[in-house]
């Protein structure tokens, strides 16, 4: 395994949703959820100032992505239509939206070429969480 530096920021979002399928029991009804969302970036070498990326910029990007989901009934979001918005699936959705911002220069034009990967974790409770990770490029 290649040694990596990492930086993680966190925020939270509150949503409403319901699930389809008997496996979900009472969660098939509309209910609320609060997720703590962690975003981790990795790179092999630190930049000149000794950073993975600017932490303030990273926090602002995460807040911007989460604000488009927060306080919404996800059952009514066209981009999520027909999907069970489980913690696992939402980790993927947030990952993809963050990756889009990074690819478009949201953390700086020079960052994309040096980042090795990223991970998004959604913590539903102190005992249950889900994550999605992969490359950025």
C-alpha atoms as a PDB file:
ATOM      1  CA  UNK A   1       0.000   0.000   0.000  1.00  0.00           C
ATOM      2  CA  UNK A   2       1.297   3.455  -0.923  1.00  0.00           C
ATOM      3  CA  UNK A   3       1.666   5.811   2.067  1.00  0.00           C
ATOM      4  CA  UNK A   4      -0.862   8.652   1.936  1.00  0.00           C
ATOM      5  CA  UNK A   5      -1.649  11.852   3.767  1.00  0.00           C
ATOM      6  CA  UNK A   6      -5.325  12.526   4.329  1.00  0.00           C
ATOM      7  CA  UNK A   7      -7.549  15.371   5.427  1.00  0.00           C
ATOM      8  CA  UNK A   8     -11.142  14.887   6.553  1.00  0.00           C
ATOM      9  CA  UNK A   9     -13.818  17.503   7.178  1.00  0.00           C
ATOM     10  CA  UNK A  10     -17.327  16.887   8.413  1.00  0.00           C
ATOM     11  CA  UNK A  11     -20.735  18.522   8.403  1.00  0.00           C
ATOM     12  CA  UNK A  12     -24.278  17.254   8.716  1.00  0.00           C
ATOM     13  CA  UNK A  13     -27.553  17.264   6.835  1.00  0.00           C
ATOM     14  CA  UNK A  14     -31.163  16.644   7.788  1.00  0.00           C
ATOM     15  CA  UNK A  15     -33.439  15.047   5.221  1.00  0.00           C
ATOM     16  CA  UNK A  16     -36.774  13.289   4.910  1.00  0.00           C
ATOM     17  CA  UNK A  17     -37.342  10.145   2.866  1.00  0.00           C
ATOM     18  CA  UNK A  18     -39.082   6.781   2.711  1.00  0.00           C
ATOM     19  CA  UNK A  19     -38.039   3.401   1.385  1.00  0.00           C
ATOM     20  CA  UNK A  20     -39.652   0.810  -0.877  1.00  0.00           C
ATOM     21  CA  UNK A  21     -39.500  -2.845   0.098  1.00  0.00           C
ATOM     22  CA  UNK A  22     -40.597  -5.005   2.991  1.00  0.00           C
ATOM     23  CA  UNK A  23     -37.008  -5.279   4.252  1.00  0.00           C
ATOM     24  CA  UNK A  24     -37.318  -1.660   5.464  1.00  0.00           C
ATOM     25  CA  UNK A  25     -40.287  -2.322   7.769  1.00  0.00           C
ATOM     26  CA  UNK A  26     -41.635   0.926   9.275  1.00  0.00           C
ATOM     27  CA  UNK A  27     -39.028   2.970   7.383  1.00  0.00           C
ATOM     28  CA  UNK A  28     -41.237   2.510   4.330  1.00  0.00           C
ATOM     29  CA  UNK A  29     -43.207   5.445   5.753  1.00  0.00           C
ATOM     30  CA  UNK A  30     -41.909   8.981   5.423  1.00  0.00           C
ATOM     31  CA  UNK A  31     -39.382   9.720   8.179  1.00  0.00           C
ATOM     32  CA  UNK A  32     -36.538  12.081   8.929  1.00  0.00           C
ATOM     33  CA  UNK A  33     -32.837  11.359   9.212  1.00  0.00           C
ATOM     34  CA  UNK A  34     -29.822  13.357  10.274  1.00  0.00           C
ATOM     35  CA  UNK A  35     -26.509  12.275   8.784  1.00  0.00           C
ATOM     36  CA  UNK A  36     -23.041  13.337   9.855  1.00  0.00           C
ATOM     37  CA  UNK A  37     -21.117  13.498   6.579  1.00  0.00           C
ATOM     38  CA  UNK A  38     -17.340  13.080   6.480  1.00  0.00           C
ATOM     39  CA  UNK A  39     -15.280  13.860   3.386  1.00  0.00           C
ATOM     40  CA  UNK A  40     -11.721  12.562   3.195  1.00  0.00           C
ATOM     41  CA  UNK A  41      -9.142  13.495   0.551  1.00  0.00           C
ATOM     42  CA  UNK A  42      -5.827  11.654   0.096  1.00  0.00           C
ATOM     43  CA  UNK A  43      -2.545  12.477  -1.573  1.00  0.00           C
ATOM     44  CA  UNK A  44       0.983  11.052  -1.484  1.00  0.00           C
ATOM     45  CA  UNK A  45       2.861  14.335  -0.973  1.00  0.00           C
ATOM     46  CA  UNK A  46       1.869  17.503   0.857  1.00  0.00           C
ATOM     47  CA  UNK A  47       1.804  20.793  -1.031  1.00  0.00           C
ATOM     48  CA  UNK A  48       4.432  23.494  -0.334  1.00  0.00           C
ATOM     49  CA  UNK A  49       2.681  24.897   2.751  1.00  0.00           C
ATOM     50  CA  UNK A  50       2.349  21.399   4.239  1.00  0.00           C
ATOM     51  CA  UNK A  51      -1.323  20.848   3.409  1.00  0.00           C
ATOM     52  CA  UNK A  52      -3.398  18.224   1.658  1.00  0.00           C
ATOM     53  CA  UNK A  53      -5.762  21.039   0.574  1.00  0.00           C
ATOM     54  CA  UNK A  54      -7.048  24.243   2.118  1.00  0.00           C
ATOM     55  CA  UNK A  55      -9.336  23.082   4.931  1.00  0.00           C
ATOM     56  CA  UNK A  56     -11.570  26.163   4.758  1.00  0.00           C
ATOM     57  CA  UNK A  57     -12.173  25.693   1.063  1.00  0.00           C
ATOM     58  CA  UNK A  58     -12.859  22.001   1.579  1.00  0.00           C
ATOM     59  CA  UNK A  59     -15.419  22.745   4.308  1.00  0.00           C
ATOM     60  CA  UNK A  60     -17.137  25.324   2.074  1.00  0.00           C
ATOM     61  CA  UNK A  61     -17.382  22.850  -0.817  1.00  0.00           C
ATOM     62  CA  UNK A  62     -18.882  20.177   1.445  1.00  0.00           C
ATOM     63  CA  UNK A  63     -21.413  22.668   2.868  1.00  0.00           C
ATOM     64  CA  UNK A  64     -22.387  23.709  -0.668  1.00  0.00           C
ATOM     65  CA  UNK A  65     -23.018  20.139  -1.798  1.00  0.00           C
ATOM     66  CA  UNK A  66     -24.981  19.204   1.330  1.00  0.00           C
ATOM     67  CA  UNK A  67     -27.102  22.349   1.169  1.00  0.00           C
ATOM     68  CA  UNK A  68     -28.649  21.080  -2.088  1.00  0.00           C
ATOM     69  CA  UNK A  69     -30.005  18.023  -0.223  1.00  0.00           C
ATOM     70  CA  UNK A  70     -30.664  19.405   3.232  1.00  0.00           C
ATOM     71  CA  UNK A  71     -34.200  19.954   4.554  1.00  0.00           C
ATOM     72  CA  UNK A  72     -35.656  18.246   1.517  1.00  0.00           C
ATOM     73  CA  UNK A  73     -37.910  15.266   1.056  1.00  0.00           C
ATOM     74  CA  UNK A  74     -35.619  13.142  -1.078  1.00  0.00           C
ATOM     75  CA  UNK A  75     -38.635  11.215  -2.394  1.00  0.00           C
ATOM     76  CA  UNK A  76     -39.494  14.385  -4.329  1.00  0.00           C
ATOM     77  CA  UNK A  77     -36.013  15.057  -5.755  1.00  0.00           C
ATOM     78  CA  UNK A  78     -36.013  14.309  -9.515  1.00  0.00           C
ATOM     79  CA  UNK A  79     -32.350  13.252  -9.535  1.00  0.00           C
ATOM     80  CA  UNK A  80     -33.115  10.560  -6.926  1.00  0.00           C
ATOM     81  CA  UNK A  81     -36.404   9.330  -8.378  1.00  0.00           C
ATOM     82  CA  UNK A  82     -36.974   5.600  -8.170  1.00  0.00           C
ATOM     83  CA  UNK A  83     -34.086   4.982  -5.746  1.00  0.00           C
ATOM     84  CA  UNK A  84     -34.048   4.001  -2.107  1.00  0.00           C
ATOM     85  CA  UNK A  85     -31.971   6.793  -0.587  1.00  0.00           C
ATOM     86  CA  UNK A  86     -30.196   4.543   1.890  1.00  0.00           C
ATOM     87  CA  UNK A  87     -27.077   5.759   3.670  1.00  0.00           C
ATOM     88  CA  UNK A  88     -25.047   3.663   1.229  1.00  0.00           C
ATOM     89  CA  UNK A  89     -26.647   5.236  -1.825  1.00  0.00           C
ATOM     90  CA  UNK A  90     -26.483   8.762  -0.380  1.00  0.00           C
ATOM     91  CA  UNK A  91     -22.749   8.280   0.301  1.00  0.00           C
ATOM     92  CA  UNK A  92     -22.370   7.572  -3.425  1.00  0.00           C
ATOM     93  CA  UNK A  93     -24.518  10.585  -4.409  1.00  0.00           C
ATOM     94  CA  UNK A  94     -22.549  12.974  -2.191  1.00  0.00           C
ATOM     95  CA  UNK A  95     -19.266  11.457  -3.454  1.00  0.00           C
ATOM     96  CA  UNK A  96     -20.251  12.036  -7.085  1.00  0.00           C
ATOM     97  CA  UNK A  97     -21.347  15.617  -6.423  1.00  0.00           C
ATOM     98  CA  UNK A  98     -18.137  16.410  -4.530  1.00  0.00           C
ATOM     99  CA  UNK A  99     -16.032  14.785  -7.253  1.00  0.00           C
ATOM    100  CA  UNK A 100     -17.749  16.986  -9.843  1.00  0.00           C
ATOM    101  CA  UNK A 101     -16.827  20.123  -7.844  1.00  0.00           C
ATOM    102  CA  UNK A 102     -13.199  18.993  -7.427  1.00  0.00           C
ATOM    103  CA  UNK A 103     -12.913  18.134 -11.133  1.00  0.00           C
ATOM    104  CA  UNK A 104     -14.238  21.572 -12.061  1.00  0.00           C
ATOM    105  CA  UNK A 105     -11.583  23.335  -9.955  1.00  0.00           C
ATOM    106  CA  UNK A 106     -13.617  23.960  -6.797  1.00  0.00           C
ATOM    107  CA  UNK A 107     -10.577  23.267  -4.590  1.00  0.00           C
ATOM    108  CA  UNK A 108      -8.123  24.942  -6.949  1.00  0.00           C
ATOM    109  CA  UNK A 109      -6.933  24.155 -10.432  1.00  0.00           C
ATOM    110  CA  UNK A 110      -3.703  22.503  -9.286  1.00  0.00           C
ATOM    111  CA  UNK A 111      -5.320  20.097  -6.801  1.00  0.00           C
ATOM    112  CA  UNK A 112      -6.933  17.594  -9.154  1.00  0.00           C
ATOM    113  CA  UNK A 113      -3.655  16.256 -10.531  1.00  0.00           C
ATOM    114  CA  UNK A 114      -2.209  15.430  -7.102  1.00  0.00           C
ATOM    115  CA  UNK A 115      -5.170  13.937  -5.253  1.00  0.00           C
ATOM    116  CA  UNK A 116      -5.030  10.143  -5.071  1.00  0.00           C
ATOM    117  CA  UNK A 117      -8.579   9.491  -3.953  1.00  0.00           C
ATOM    118  CA  UNK A 118     -11.419  10.397  -1.687  1.00  0.00           C
ATOM    119  CA  UNK A 119     -13.988   8.850   0.608  1.00  0.00           C
ATOM    120  CA  UNK A 120     -17.418   9.979   1.783  1.00  0.00           C
ATOM    121  CA  UNK A 121     -18.865   8.518   4.975  1.00  0.00           C
ATOM    122  CA  UNK A 122     -22.436   9.037   6.181  1.00  0.00           C
ATOM    123  CA  UNK A 123     -22.929   8.354   9.885  1.00  0.00           C
ATOM    124  CA  UNK A 124     -26.556   7.585  10.611  1.00  0.00           C
ATOM    125  CA  UNK A 125     -25.965   6.866  14.297  1.00  0.00           C
ATOM    126  CA  UNK A 126     -23.053   6.125  16.644  1.00  0.00           C
ATOM    127  CA  UNK A 127     -23.361   2.439  15.730  1.00  0.00           C
ATOM    128  CA  UNK A 128     -24.135   2.517  11.983  1.00  0.00           C
ATOM    129  CA  UNK A 129     -22.528   4.241   9.008  1.00  0.00           C
ATOM    130  CA  UNK A 130     -21.910   3.717   5.297  1.00  0.00           C
ATOM    131  CA  UNK A 131     -19.183   4.931   2.958  1.00  0.00           C
ATOM    132  CA  UNK A 132     -18.224   5.194  -0.691  1.00  0.00           C
ATOM    133  CA  UNK A 133     -14.665   5.730  -1.889  1.00  0.00           C
ATOM    134  CA  UNK A 134     -12.778   5.870  -5.124  1.00  0.00           C
ATOM    135  CA  UNK A 135     -10.531   7.889  -7.406  1.00  0.00           C
ATOM    136  CA  UNK A 136     -11.211  11.485  -8.322  1.00  0.00           C
ATOM    137  CA  UNK A 137      -9.845  11.551 -11.867  1.00  0.00           C
END
